[in-house]
């Protein structure tokens, strides 16, 4: 079985990232109800994502976030609680 980190990164391959950084920030939220119970007691609930893709060229910030969130619906359904997203095109880096 793969980890949530691996599943998130695999799902985001569809966006053809030229750069990607995923940070598990769950330890900072250890006291939250969602930290354990909603994620199969793994604690993998809070992440920060920085992703750079040519597919974000000419796309609004909201639509970029929507593109990411749509790919990660299964993770949110299985306990991912929060994802901070910074999605940029290569020209914006």
Protein backbone atom coordinates (compact mmCIF):
# COMPACT_ATOMS: atom_id res chain seq x y z
CA UNK A 1 0.00 0.00 0.00
CA UNK A 2 1.33 3.44 -0.89
CA UNK A 3 1.53 6.38 1.46
CA UNK A 4 -0.66 9.46 1.11
CA UNK A 5 2.41 11.43 0.01
CA UNK A 6 3.04 8.96 -2.82
CA UNK A 7 -0.62 8.93 -3.87
CA UNK A 8 -0.78 12.73 -3.96
CA UNK A 9 2.37 13.00 -6.07
CA UNK A 10 1.16 10.25 -8.40
CA UNK A 11 -2.22 11.96 -8.90
CA UNK A 12 -0.52 15.26 -9.73
CA UNK A 13 1.57 13.69 -12.53
CA UNK A 14 -1.42 14.44 -14.76
CA UNK A 15 -0.56 18.16 -14.46
CA UNK A 16 2.91 17.46 -15.93
CA UNK A 17 4.78 19.42 -13.25
CA UNK A 18 8.22 20.78 -14.08
CA UNK A 19 8.77 21.27 -10.34
CA UNK A 20 6.86 19.99 -7.34
CA UNK A 21 7.33 20.11 -3.59
CA UNK A 22 4.99 18.42 -1.12
CA UNK A 23 5.40 18.93 2.62
CA UNK A 24 3.48 16.96 5.23
CA UNK A 25 2.60 19.51 7.93
CA UNK A 26 0.35 17.16 9.90
CA UNK A 27 2.57 17.23 12.99
CA UNK A 28 1.65 20.90 13.47
CA UNK A 29 -2.01 19.90 13.81
CA UNK A 30 -1.71 16.96 16.19
CA UNK A 31 -4.38 18.35 18.53
CA UNK A 32 -7.04 18.70 15.82
CA UNK A 33 -9.86 16.17 15.71
CA UNK A 34 -9.18 15.50 12.02
CA UNK A 35 -5.51 14.74 12.64
CA UNK A 36 -6.01 11.05 13.28
CA UNK A 37 -9.59 9.85 13.03
CA UNK A 38 -10.37 11.01 9.52
CA UNK A 39 -7.18 9.69 7.97
CA UNK A 40 -7.24 6.07 9.02
CA UNK A 41 -5.28 7.00 12.14
CA UNK A 42 -2.18 7.85 10.09
CA UNK A 43 -2.13 11.57 10.92
CA UNK A 44 -1.49 12.39 7.25
CA UNK A 45 -4.05 15.19 7.12
CA UNK A 46 -2.34 18.55 6.45
CA UNK A 47 -0.04 19.34 3.53
CA UNK A 48 1.60 22.21 1.68
CA UNK A 49 2.07 21.94 -2.07
CA UNK A 50 4.16 24.01 -4.46
CA UNK A 51 3.68 22.99 -8.07
CA UNK A 52 4.94 24.51 -11.31
CA UNK A 53 3.38 23.46 -14.60
CA UNK A 54 3.04 24.77 -18.14
CA UNK A 55 -0.64 23.81 -17.87
CA UNK A 56 -1.14 26.77 -15.52
CA UNK A 57 -0.25 29.35 -18.20
CA UNK A 58 -3.16 31.75 -18.65
CA UNK A 59 -5.23 30.00 -15.96
CA UNK A 60 -6.59 31.92 -12.97
CA UNK A 61 -5.38 31.15 -9.45
CA UNK A 62 -8.78 29.71 -8.52
CA UNK A 63 -8.91 27.47 -11.59
CA UNK A 64 -5.36 26.23 -10.90
CA UNK A 65 -6.37 25.27 -7.38
CA UNK A 66 -9.50 23.62 -8.75
CA UNK A 67 -7.35 21.56 -11.15
CA UNK A 68 -5.28 20.29 -8.21
CA UNK A 69 -8.24 19.70 -5.92
CA UNK A 70 -10.16 17.74 -8.56
CA UNK A 71 -7.25 15.31 -8.90
CA UNK A 72 -7.09 14.84 -5.14
CA UNK A 73 -10.78 14.18 -4.43
CA UNK A 74 -10.06 10.56 -3.41
CA UNK A 75 -7.51 11.77 -0.86
CA UNK A 76 -9.94 14.25 0.66
CA UNK A 77 -12.55 11.49 0.80
CA UNK A 78 -10.10 9.31 2.74
CA UNK A 79 -9.01 11.83 5.37
CA UNK A 80 -6.87 14.55 3.77
CA UNK A 81 -8.13 17.60 5.64
CA UNK A 82 -6.13 20.62 4.46
CA UNK A 83 -3.95 21.46 1.48
CA UNK A 84 -2.19 24.78 1.01
CA UNK A 85 -1.58 25.19 -2.73
CA UNK A 86 0.86 27.44 -4.57
CA UNK A 87 0.39 26.67 -8.25
CA UNK A 88 2.41 28.66 -10.80
CA UNK A 89 3.50 28.56 -14.40
CA UNK A 90 7.27 28.45 -15.14
CA UNK A 91 7.23 32.15 -16.08
CA UNK A 92 5.93 33.06 -12.63
CA UNK A 93 8.69 31.31 -10.72
